[in-house]
C-alpha atoms as a PDB file:
ATOM      1  CA  UNK A   1     107.011 106.785  95.161  1.00  0.00           C
ATOM      2  CA  UNK A   2     108.078 110.317  96.504  1.00  0.00           C
ATOM      3  CA  UNK A   3     106.269 111.417  99.549  1.00  0.00           C
ATOM      4  CA  UNK A   4     103.826 114.048  98.630  1.00  0.00           C
ATOM      5  CA  UNK A   5     100.979 116.349 100.308  1.00  0.00           C
ATOM      6  CA  UNK A   6      97.685 115.472  99.156  1.00  0.00           C
ATOM      7  CA  UNK A   7      94.394 117.285 100.157  1.00  0.00           C
ATOM      8  CA  UNK A   8      91.155 115.174 100.107  1.00  0.00           C
ATOM      9  CA  UNK A   9      87.499 116.423  99.541  1.00  0.00           C
ATOM     10  CA  UNK A  10      85.004 113.913 100.616  1.00  0.00           C
ATOM     11  CA  UNK A  11      87.587 111.682 102.516  1.00  0.00           C
ATOM     12  CA  UNK A  12      85.072 110.278 104.448  1.00  0.00           C
ATOM     13  CA  UNK A  13      82.690 108.966 101.318  1.00  0.00           C
ATOM     14  CA  UNK A  14      82.411 105.642  99.447  1.00  0.00           C
ATOM     15  CA  UNK A  15      85.739 105.945  97.727  1.00  0.00           C
ATOM     16  CA  UNK A  16      87.145 108.577  99.505  1.00  0.00           C
ATOM     17  CA  UNK A  17      87.503 106.281 102.593  1.00  0.00           C
ATOM     18  CA  UNK A  18      89.783 103.644 101.099  1.00  0.00           C
ATOM     19  CA  UNK A  19      91.327 106.256  98.890  1.00  0.00           C
ATOM     20  CA  UNK A  20      92.637 108.273 102.168  1.00  0.00           C
ATOM     21  CA  UNK A  21      93.352 105.177 104.111  1.00  0.00           C
ATOM     22  CA  UNK A  22      95.405 104.192 101.310  1.00  0.00           C
ATOM     23  CA  UNK A  23      97.384 107.615 101.117  1.00  0.00           C
ATOM     24  CA  UNK A  24      98.085 107.339 104.601  1.00  0.00           C
ATOM     25  CA  UNK A  25      99.439 103.733 104.623  1.00  0.00           C
ATOM     26  CA  UNK A  26     101.684 104.801 101.665  1.00  0.00           C
ATOM     27  CA  UNK A  27     103.220 107.255 103.889  1.00  0.00           C
ATOM     28  CA  UNK A  28     101.757 110.590 102.199  1.00  0.00           C
ATOM     29  CA  UNK A  29     100.730 113.754 104.278  1.00  0.00           C
ATOM     30  CA  UNK A  30      97.165 114.019 104.064  1.00  0.00           C
ATOM     31  CA  UNK A  31      94.896 116.943 104.695  1.00  0.00           C
ATOM     32  CA  UNK A  32      90.992 116.455 105.065  1.00  0.00           C
ATOM     33  CA  UNK A  33      88.908 119.435 103.939  1.00  0.00           C
ATOM     34  CA  UNK A  34      85.591 119.299 105.576  1.00  0.00           C
ATOM     35  CA  UNK A  35      82.577 121.299 106.191  1.00  0.00           C
ATOM     36  CA  UNK A  36      81.865 119.295 109.464  1.00  0.00           C
ATOM     37  CA  UNK A  37      82.066 121.057 112.465  1.00  0.00           C
ATOM     38  CA  UNK A  38      81.871 117.830 114.471  1.00  0.00           C
ATOM     39  CA  UNK A  39      84.536 115.381 113.181  1.00  0.00           C
ATOM     40  CA  UNK A  40      82.876 112.092 113.072  1.00  0.00           C
ATOM     41  CA  UNK A  41      84.252 108.442 113.647  1.00  0.00           C
ATOM     42  CA  UNK A  42      85.876 108.169 110.439  1.00  0.00           C
ATOM     43  CA  UNK A  43      87.674 111.511 110.625  1.00  0.00           C
ATOM     44  CA  UNK A  44      89.040 110.758 113.966  1.00  0.00           C
ATOM     45  CA  UNK A  45      90.252 107.773 112.731  1.00  0.00           C
ATOM     46  CA  UNK A  46      92.376 109.339 109.824  1.00  0.00           C
ATOM     47  CA  UNK A  47      93.732 111.775 112.445  1.00  0.00           C
ATOM     48  CA  UNK A  48      94.860 108.903 114.671  1.00  0.00           C
ATOM     49  CA  UNK A  49      96.546 107.449 111.248  1.00  0.00           C
ATOM     50  CA  UNK A  50      98.273 111.219 110.739  1.00  0.00           C
ATOM     51  CA  UNK A  51      95.814 112.907 108.922  1.00  0.00           C
ATOM     52  CA  UNK A  52      95.074 116.814 109.496  1.00  0.00           C
ATOM     53  CA  UNK A  53      91.605 117.797 109.166  1.00  0.00           C
ATOM     54  CA  UNK A  54      90.855 121.111 107.946  1.00  0.00           C
ATOM     55  CA  UNK A  55      87.198 122.694 108.598  1.00  0.00           C
ATOM     56  CA  UNK A  56      85.766 125.154 105.721  1.00  0.00           C
ATOM     57  CA  UNK A  57      82.508 126.383 106.246  1.00  0.00           C
ATOM     58  CA  UNK A  58      82.235 127.842 103.059  1.00  0.00           C
ATOM     59  CA  UNK A  59      83.906 125.778 100.061  1.00  0.00           C
ATOM     60  CA  UNK A  60      82.642 128.181  97.399  1.00  0.00           C
ATOM     61  CA  UNK A  61      85.202 130.745  98.650  1.00  0.00           C
ATOM     62  CA  UNK A  62      88.112 130.221  96.534  1.00  0.00           C
ATOM     63  CA  UNK A  63      90.242 132.517  98.691  1.00  0.00           C
ATOM     64  CA  UNK A  64      89.558 130.433 102.158  1.00  0.00           C
ATOM     65  CA  UNK A  65      89.850 127.089  99.950  1.00  0.00           C
ATOM     66  CA  UNK A  66      93.356 128.465  98.565  1.00  0.00           C
ATOM     67  CA  UNK A  67      94.863 129.301 102.139  1.00  0.00           C
ATOM     68  CA  UNK A  68      93.863 125.736 103.029  1.00  0.00           C
ATOM     69  CA  UNK A  69      95.569 124.368 100.095  1.00  0.00           C
ATOM     70  CA  UNK A  70      98.925 126.019 100.571  1.00  0.00           C
ATOM     71  CA  UNK A  71     101.735 123.594 100.530  1.00  0.00           C
ATOM     72  CA  UNK A  72      99.487 120.973  98.863  1.00  0.00           C
ATOM     73  CA  UNK A  73     100.997 118.897  95.563  1.00  0.00           C
ATOM     74  CA  UNK A  74      97.504 117.411  94.498  1.00  0.00           C
ATOM     75  CA  UNK A  75      93.888 117.906  95.211  1.00  0.00           C
ATOM     76  CA  UNK A  76      91.329 115.176  95.186  1.00  0.00           C
ATOM     77  CA  UNK A  77      87.560 115.703  94.742  1.00  0.00           C
ATOM     78  CA  UNK A  78      86.266 112.077  95.944  1.00  0.00           C
ATOM     79  CA  UNK A  79      82.687 113.158  96.323  1.00  0.00           C
ATOM     80  CA  UNK A  80      79.557 112.406  94.239  1.00  0.00           C
ATOM     81  CA  UNK A  81      79.524 113.856  90.751  1.00  0.00           C
ATOM     82  CA  UNK A  82      76.202 115.916  90.965  1.00  0.00           C
ATOM     83  CA  UNK A  83      75.557 118.741  88.498  1.00  0.00           C
ATOM     84  CA  UNK A  84      75.896 121.423  91.565  1.00  0.00           C
ATOM     85  CA  UNK A  85      79.360 119.873  92.632  1.00  0.00           C
ATOM     86  CA  UNK A  86      80.383 119.470  88.767  1.00  0.00           C
ATOM     87  CA  UNK A  87      79.245 123.032  87.677  1.00  0.00           C
ATOM     88  CA  UNK A  88      79.419 125.018  90.678  1.00  0.00           C
ATOM     89  CA  UNK A  89      82.083 123.520  93.446  1.00  0.00           C
ATOM     90  CA  UNK A  90      84.755 121.997  91.418  1.00  0.00           C
ATOM     91  CA  UNK A  91      85.171 125.454  89.344  1.00  0.00           C
ATOM     92  CA  UNK A  92      85.599 127.129  92.479  1.00  0.00           C
ATOM     93  CA  UNK A  93      88.036 124.374  93.961  1.00  0.00           C
ATOM     94  CA  UNK A  94      90.013 124.421  90.656  1.00  0.00           C
ATOM     95  CA  UNK A  95      90.477 128.222  91.136  1.00  0.00           C
ATOM     96  CA  UNK A  96      91.499 127.700  94.620  1.00  0.00           C
ATOM     97  CA  UNK A  97      94.203 125.029  93.667  1.00  0.00           C
ATOM     98  CA  UNK A  98      95.682 127.470  90.863  1.00  0.00           C
ATOM     99  CA  UNK A  99      95.932 130.155  93.545  1.00  0.00           C
ATOM    100  CA  UNK A 100      97.631 127.966  96.307  1.00  0.00           C
ATOM    101  CA  UNK A 101     100.088 126.525  93.595  1.00  0.00           C
ATOM    102  CA  UNK A 102      98.931 123.029  93.540  1.00  0.00           C
ATOM    103  CA  UNK A 103     100.414 120.821  91.088  1.00  0.00           C
ATOM    104  CA  UNK A 104      97.638 118.199  90.149  1.00  0.00           C
ATOM    105  CA  UNK A 105      93.825 118.186  90.343  1.00  0.00           C
ATOM    106  CA  UNK A 106      91.985 115.055  90.550  1.00  0.00           C
ATOM    107  CA  UNK A 107      88.261 115.736  89.550  1.00  0.00           C
ATOM    108  CA  UNK A 108      85.282 113.571  90.669  1.00  0.00           C
ATOM    109  CA  UNK A 109      85.177 110.429  88.076  1.00  0.00           C
ATOM    110  CA  UNK A 110      85.550 107.302  89.736  1.00  0.00           C
ATOM    111  CA  UNK A 111      83.082 105.449  87.224  1.00  0.00           C
ATOM    112  CA  UNK A 112      82.454 105.507  83.582  1.00  0.00           C
ATOM    113  CA  UNK A 113      85.344 106.639  81.227  1.00  0.00           C
ATOM    114  CA  UNK A 114      84.043 110.156  80.469  1.00  0.00           C
ATOM    115  CA  UNK A 115      86.671 110.824  78.021  1.00  0.00           C
ATOM    116  CA  UNK A 116      85.669 107.955  75.768  1.00  0.00           C
ATOM    117  CA  UNK A 117      82.247 109.234  75.845  1.00  0.00           C
ATOM    118  CA  UNK A 118      80.822 111.863  73.368  1.00  0.00           C
ATOM    119  CA  UNK A 119      78.489 114.689  74.219  1.00  0.00           C
ATOM    120  CA  UNK A 120      75.086 113.508  74.369  1.00  0.00           C
ATOM    121  CA  UNK A 121      75.803 110.235  76.003  1.00  0.00           C
ATOM    122  CA  UNK A 122      74.528 111.041  79.241  1.00  0.00           C
ATOM    123  CA  UNK A 123      73.907 114.063  81.345  1.00  0.00           C
ATOM    124  CA  UNK A 124      76.353 113.545  84.028  1.00  0.00           C
ATOM    125  CA  UNK A 125      78.938 112.933  81.431  1.00  0.00           C
ATOM    126  CA  UNK A 126      78.155 115.981  79.523  1.00  0.00           C
ATOM    127  CA  UNK A 127      78.620 118.003  82.736  1.00  0.00           C
ATOM    128  CA  UNK A 128      82.017 116.380  83.560  1.00  0.00           C
ATOM    129  CA  UNK A 129      83.170 116.758  79.849  1.00  0.00           C
ATOM    130  CA  UNK A 130      82.046 120.370  80.155  1.00  0.00           C
ATOM    131  CA  UNK A 131      84.474 120.700  83.524  1.00  0.00           C
ATOM    132  CA  UNK A 132      87.336 118.653  81.833  1.00  0.00           C
ATOM    133  CA  UNK A 133      87.675 121.508  79.080  1.00  0.00           C
ATOM    134  CA  UNK A 134      88.086 124.070  81.918  1.00  0.00           C
ATOM    135  CA  UNK A 135      90.445 121.997  83.836  1.00  0.00           C
ATOM    136  CA  UNK A 136      92.486 121.105  80.910  1.00  0.00           C
ATOM    137  CA  UNK A 137      92.772 124.860  79.535  1.00  0.00           C
ATOM    138  CA  UNK A 138      93.835 126.120  83.217  1.00  0.00           C
ATOM    139  CA  UNK A 139      97.280 124.809  83.063  1.00  0.00           C
ATOM    140  CA  UNK A 140      97.329 122.658  86.133  1.00  0.00           C
ATOM    141  CA  UNK A 141      98.201 119.035  86.015  1.00  0.00           C
ATOM    142  CA  UNK A 142      95.436 116.466  86.042  1.00  0.00           C
ATOM    143  CA  UNK A 143      94.663 112.652  86.300  1.00  0.00           C
ATOM    144  CA  UNK A 144      91.472 111.385  85.599  1.00  0.00           C
ATOM    145  CA  UNK A 145      90.854 108.182  87.508  1.00  0.00           C
ATOM    146  CA  UNK A 146      88.434 105.595  85.999  1.00  0.00           C
ATOM    147  CA  UNK A 147      87.525 102.665  88.493  1.00  0.00           C
ATOM    148  CA  UNK A 148      84.572 101.306  86.312  1.00  0.00           C
ATOM    149  CA  UNK A 149      82.119  99.450  88.632  1.00  0.00           C
ATOM    150  CA  UNK A 150      82.051  98.661  92.207  1.00  0.00           C
ATOM    151  CA  UNK A 151      80.918  94.919  93.372  1.00  0.00           C
ATOM    152  CA  UNK A 152      78.076  96.029  95.646  1.00  0.00           C
ATOM    153  CA  UNK A 153      76.303  97.527  92.606  1.00  0.00           C
ATOM    154  CA  UNK A 154      77.569  95.290  89.764  1.00  0.00           C
ATOM    155  CA  UNK A 155      77.828  91.992  90.827  1.00  0.00           C
ATOM    156  CA  UNK A 156      74.672  90.286  91.060  1.00  0.00           C
ATOM    157  CA  UNK A 157      73.140  90.439  94.787  1.00  0.00           C
ATOM    158  CA  UNK A 158      69.503  90.746  96.588  1.00  0.00           C
ATOM    159  CA  UNK A 159      71.124  93.632  98.875  1.00  0.00           C
ATOM    160  CA  UNK A 160      70.727  96.421  96.236  1.00  0.00           C
ATOM    161  CA  UNK A 161      67.760  95.048  94.051  1.00  0.00           C
ATOM    162  CA  UNK A 162      64.884  92.856  95.047  1.00  0.00           C
ATOM    163  CA  UNK A 163      65.341  90.845  92.034  1.00  0.00           C
ATOM    164  CA  UNK A 164      68.569  89.856  90.355  1.00  0.00           C
ATOM    165  CA  UNK A 165      68.579  92.535  87.770  1.00  0.00           C
ATOM    166  CA  UNK A 166      70.502  92.954  84.533  1.00  0.00           C
ATOM    167  CA  UNK A 167      70.914  95.885  81.647  1.00  0.00           C
ATOM    168  CA  UNK A 168      71.189  96.019  78.041  1.00  0.00           C
ATOM    169  CA  UNK A 169      73.853  94.003  76.326  1.00  0.00           C
ATOM    170  CA  UNK A 170      74.752  90.913  78.273  1.00  0.00           C
ATOM    171  CA  UNK A 171      78.167  89.783  76.800  1.00  0.00           C
ATOM    172  CA  UNK A 172      79.435  93.301  77.262  1.00  0.00           C
ATOM    173  CA  UNK A 173      82.603  93.306  79.647  1.00  0.00           C
ATOM    174  CA  UNK A 174      81.943  94.750  82.903  1.00  0.00           C
ATOM    175  CA  UNK A 175      85.045  95.962  84.691  1.00  0.00           C
ATOM    176  CA  UNK A 176      84.357  95.825  88.379  1.00  0.00           C
ATOM    177  CA  UNK A 177      86.352  95.906  91.956  1.00  0.00           C
ATOM    178  CA  UNK A 178      86.121  95.730  95.502  1.00  0.00           C
ATOM    179  CA  UNK A 179      85.911  99.120  96.946  1.00  0.00           C
ATOM    180  CA  UNK A 180      88.888  98.899  99.030  1.00  0.00           C
ATOM    181  CA  UNK A 181      91.092  98.194  95.936  1.00  0.00           C
ATOM    182  CA  UNK A 182      89.615 100.994  93.928  1.00  0.00           C
ATOM    183  CA  UNK A 183      90.644 103.199  97.052  1.00  0.00           C
ATOM    184  CA  UNK A 184      94.346 101.710  97.170  1.00  0.00           C
ATOM    185  CA  UNK A 185      94.631 101.836  93.555  1.00  0.00           C
ATOM    186  CA  UNK A 186      93.459 105.288  93.469  1.00  0.00           C
ATOM    187  CA  UNK A 187      95.720 106.336  96.102  1.00  0.00           C
ATOM    188  CA  UNK A 188      98.650 104.990  94.015  1.00  0.00           C
ATOM    189  CA  UNK A 189      97.496 106.650  91.075  1.00  0.00           C
ATOM    190  CA  UNK A 190      96.987 109.904  92.039  1.00  0.00           C
ATOM    191  CA  UNK A 191     100.284 110.364  93.571  1.00  0.00           C
ATOM    192  CA  UNK A 192     102.372 108.472  90.761  1.00  0.00           C
ATOM    193  CA  UNK A 193     104.337 110.968  88.429  1.00  0.00           C
ATOM    194  CA  UNK A 194     103.525 108.790  85.372  1.00  0.00           C
ATOM    195  CA  UNK A 195      99.712 109.388  85.548  1.00  0.00           C
ATOM    196  CA  UNK A 196     100.292 113.133  85.308  1.00  0.00           C
ATOM    197  CA  UNK A 197      97.984 114.531  82.554  1.00  0.00           C
ATOM    198  CA  UNK A 198      96.541 110.676  82.000  1.00  0.00           C
ATOM    199  CA  UNK A 199      93.531 108.684  82.413  1.00  0.00           C
ATOM    200  CA  UNK A 200      93.931 105.505  84.716  1.00  0.00           C
ATOM    201  CA  UNK A 201      91.705 102.244  84.125  1.00  0.00           C
ATOM    202  CA  UNK A 202      91.221  99.839  86.559  1.00  0.00           C
ATOM    203  CA  UNK A 203      91.330  96.750  84.606  1.00  0.00           C
ATOM    204  CA  UNK A 204      92.113  93.774  86.779  1.00  0.00           C
ATOM    205  CA  UNK A 205      88.530  91.923  86.957  1.00  0.00           C
ATOM    206  CA  UNK A 206      86.334  91.937  83.667  1.00  0.00           C
ATOM    207  CA  UNK A 207      83.241  89.918  83.577  1.00  0.00           C
ATOM    208  CA  UNK A 208      80.008  89.910  81.248  1.00  0.00           C
ATOM    209  CA  UNK A 209      76.729  90.056  83.104  1.00  0.00           C
ATOM    210  CA  UNK A 210      76.053  86.601  81.480  1.00  0.00           C
ATOM    211  CA  UNK A 211      79.176  85.209  83.154  1.00  0.00           C
ATOM    212  CA  UNK A 212      78.180  86.507  86.654  1.00  0.00           C
ATOM    213  CA  UNK A 213      74.656  84.954  86.307  1.00  0.00           C
ATOM    214  CA  UNK A 214      76.764  81.459  85.492  1.00  0.00           C
ATOM    215  CA  UNK A 215      78.609  82.006  88.505  1.00  0.00           C
ATOM    216  CA  UNK A 216      75.692  82.983  90.508  1.00  0.00           C
ATOM    217  CA  UNK A 217      73.897  79.736  89.354  1.00  0.00           C
ATOM    218  CA  UNK A 218      77.104  77.731  89.900  1.00  0.00           C
ATOM    219  CA  UNK A 219      77.295  78.826  93.451  1.00  0.00           C
ATOM    220  CA  UNK A 220      73.798  78.614  94.604  1.00  0.00           C
ATOM    221  CA  UNK A 221      72.235  75.779  92.523  1.00  0.00           C
ATOM    222  CA  UNK A 222      69.421  75.449  95.011  1.00  0.00           C
ATOM    223  CA  UNK A 223      68.089  79.118  95.418  1.00  0.00           C
ATOM    224  CA  UNK A 224      65.120  80.453  93.063  1.00  0.00           C
ATOM    225  CA  UNK A 225      66.466  83.704  92.212  1.00  0.00           C
ATOM    226  CA  UNK A 226      64.036  86.166  90.501  1.00  0.00           C
ATOM    227  CA  UNK A 227      65.016  88.043  87.644  1.00  0.00           C
ATOM    228  CA  UNK A 228      64.488  91.154  85.845  1.00  0.00           C
ATOM    229  CA  UNK A 229      65.827  92.700  82.621  1.00  0.00           C
ATOM    230  CA  UNK A 230      66.078  95.797  81.042  1.00  0.00           C
ATOM    231  CA  UNK A 231      66.675  96.105  77.870  1.00  0.00           C
ATOM    232  CA  UNK A 232      68.914  98.222  75.521  1.00  0.00           C
ATOM    233  CA  UNK A 233      65.945  99.696  73.682  1.00  0.00           C
ATOM    234  CA  UNK A 234      64.192 100.463  77.053  1.00  0.00           C
ATOM    235  CA  UNK A 235      67.363 102.049  78.845  1.00  0.00           C
ATOM    236  CA  UNK A 236      67.960 104.331  75.632  1.00  0.00           C
ATOM    237  CA  UNK A 237      64.401 105.689  75.649  1.00  0.00           C
ATOM    238  CA  UNK A 238      64.529 106.406  79.432  1.00  0.00           C
ATOM    239  CA  UNK A 239      67.665 108.138  78.835  1.00  0.00           C
ATOM    240  CA  UNK A 240      66.039 110.647  76.912  1.00  0.00           C
ATOM    241  CA  UNK A 241      62.414 110.846  78.663  1.00  0.00           C
ATOM    242  CA  UNK A 242      63.336 110.402  82.345  1.00  0.00           C
ATOM    243  CA  UNK A 243      62.719 113.331  84.830  1.00  0.00           C
ATOM    244  CA  UNK A 244      64.717 114.971  87.585  1.00  0.00           C
ATOM    245  CA  UNK A 245      63.128 112.701  90.263  1.00  0.00           C
ATOM    246  CA  UNK A 246      65.502 110.658  92.591  1.00  0.00           C
ATOM    247  CA  UNK A 247      63.571 107.344  92.800  1.00  0.00           C
ATOM    248  CA  UNK A 248      66.516 104.702  92.894  1.00  0.00           C
ATOM    249  CA  UNK A 249      66.989 102.821  96.236  1.00  0.00           C
ATOM    250  CA  UNK A 250      70.687 103.510  96.046  1.00  0.00           C
ATOM    251  CA  UNK A 251      72.626 106.802  94.833  1.00  0.00           C
ATOM    252  CA  UNK A 252      71.603 110.315  94.557  1.00  0.00           C
ATOM    253  CA  UNK A 253      71.138 110.606  90.855  1.00  0.00           C
ATOM    254  CA  UNK A 254      68.193 111.893  89.024  1.00  0.00           C
ATOM    255  CA  UNK A 255      66.225 109.268  87.004  1.00  0.00           C
ATOM    256  CA  UNK A 256      67.515 111.068  84.021  1.00  0.00           C
ATOM    257  CA  UNK A 257      71.472 111.037  85.129  1.00  0.00           C
ATOM    258  CA  UNK A 258      70.995 107.283  86.330  1.00  0.00           C
ATOM    259  CA  UNK A 259      69.549 106.096  82.839  1.00  0.00           C
ATOM    260  CA  UNK A 260      72.442 108.080  81.271  1.00  0.00           C
ATOM    261  CA  UNK A 261      74.896 106.157  83.235  1.00  0.00           C
ATOM    262  CA  UNK A 262      73.291 102.845  82.596  1.00  0.00           C
ATOM    263  CA  UNK A 263      73.056 103.566  78.728  1.00  0.00           C
ATOM    264  CA  UNK A 264      76.883 104.266  78.784  1.00  0.00           C
ATOM    265  CA  UNK A 265      77.388 101.004  80.662  1.00  0.00           C
ATOM    266  CA  UNK A 266      75.330  98.837  79.214  1.00  0.00           C
ATOM    267  CA  UNK A 267      74.404  99.909  76.076  1.00  0.00           C
ATOM    268  CA  UNK A 268      77.418 101.529  74.304  1.00  0.00           C
ATOM    269  CA  UNK A 269      79.729  99.742  76.799  1.00  0.00           C
ATOM    270  CA  UNK A 270      81.703 102.674  77.593  1.00  0.00           C
ATOM    271  CA  UNK A 271      82.387 101.670  81.689  1.00  0.00           C
ATOM    272  CA  UNK A 272      85.872 101.412  80.742  1.00  0.00           C
ATOM    273  CA  UNK A 273      87.947 102.492  77.709  1.00  0.00           C
ATOM    274  CA  UNK A 274      91.581 101.948  76.713  1.00  0.00           C
ATOM    275  CA  UNK A 275      92.586 104.725  74.468  1.00  0.00           C
ATOM    276  CA  UNK A 276      96.208 106.183  73.712  1.00  0.00           C
ATOM    277  CA  UNK A 277      95.560 108.512  76.749  1.00  0.00           C
ATOM    278  CA  UNK A 278      94.699 105.933  79.324  1.00  0.00           C
ATOM    279  CA  UNK A 279      96.909 104.031  81.266  1.00  0.00           C
ATOM    280  CA  UNK A 280      96.153 100.504  82.744  1.00  0.00           C
ATOM    281  CA  UNK A 281      96.387  99.524  86.393  1.00  0.00           C
ATOM    282  CA  UNK A 282      97.190  96.156  85.515  1.00  0.00           C
ATOM    283  CA  UNK A 283     100.591  97.603  83.820  1.00  0.00           C
ATOM    284  CA  UNK A 284     101.088 100.301  86.233  1.00  0.00           C
ATOM    285  CA  UNK A 285     101.050  97.983  89.394  1.00  0.00           C
ATOM    286  CA  UNK A 286     101.327  94.580  87.796  1.00  0.00           C
ATOM    287  CA  UNK A 287     102.037  92.882  91.239  1.00  0.00           C
ATOM    288  CA  UNK A 288      98.934  93.941  92.781  1.00  0.00           C
ATOM    289  CA  UNK A 289      96.542  91.133  93.841  1.00  0.00           C
ATOM    290  CA  UNK A 290      92.834  92.348  93.794  1.00  0.00           C
ATOM    291  CA  UNK A 291      89.872  90.759  95.174  1.00  0.00           C
ATOM    292  CA  UNK A 292      88.364  88.327  92.454  1.00  0.00           C
ATOM    293  CA  UNK A 293      84.674  88.599  91.914  1.00  0.00           C
ATOM    294  CA  UNK A 294      84.252  84.716  92.105  1.00  0.00           C
ATOM    295  CA  UNK A 295      85.008  84.677  96.137  1.00  0.00           C
ATOM    296  CA  UNK A 296      82.699  87.476  96.328  1.00  0.00           C
ATOM    297  CA  UNK A 297      79.821  85.868  94.572  1.00  0.00           C
ATOM    298  CA  UNK A 298      80.322  82.540  96.710  1.00  0.00           C
ATOM    299  CA  UNK A 299      79.550  84.626  99.912  1.00  0.00           C
ATOM    300  CA  UNK A 300      75.988  84.587 101.341  1.00  0.00           C
ATOM    301  CA  UNK A 301      76.366  87.613 103.252  1.00  0.00           C
ATOM    302  CA  UNK A 302      77.217  89.811  99.865  1.00  0.00           C
ATOM    303  CA  UNK A 303      74.634  88.028  97.708  1.00  0.00           C
ATOM    304  CA  UNK A 304      71.696  87.976 100.231  1.00  0.00           C
ATOM    305  CA  UNK A 305      71.927  90.192 103.425  1.00  0.00           C
ATOM    306  CA  UNK A 306      69.798  93.128 103.771  1.00  0.00           C
END
């Protein structure tokens, strides 16, 4: 691949960390944009690998951001898709990217296939779809990267939930992958000329929740797990009636946003999608070998450790 200059917002985040590591390992020039005046261990480690770190006190100033983005080919927003990020921050970053002549903008996605959803399917996705309209009418190039699920949250374990928790339709395929694989595949995809103005879907691993539970029982036959299931009817009701509190053990989504995400994944099966605008990572990178769910579910540290 041709060497590029990539700017990353959120380089120390869950996806941003392996993404940035992947970009550097592929030989790209990387600029990390951060509000942190004090560089943390992760940012210092990236500098040692060759990244440059640009401090920006006001990331809602398009002119300041545009100065930082001079000479950048691709801007990646690897940050949580909160309402404020999507509605307030990303439009400013898009404006700055346009002013600086950036060729490609990669917005916060890294989850369900927003383009395959309809307005009203979930609050988070409605916000993203409105920003996509702005992005695609701006004239800048774009890539929407959809990794589906992350092992930590989608494979059954007792670290995220107190019980083995299942949702909605148990036979729906769940595309889920290790976070390091997701980051590296994202680094490949956002710098690949074939993915310009395309969606990219990570699709190496697919198991239903039923399959996951069967593997858990196979690998841990002597452990008496407790189970909890949230039905499709319950999820659909909560999607409409939940409030703006944040009560989940993990994540920063409001309850309404979280149940909208669960609805998209476990009721209407839109964690992943393969429409004509979407490229599969298994076809783009056929020689890439991902970590398998089976080996993770055999690991006691993954299943049990708090």
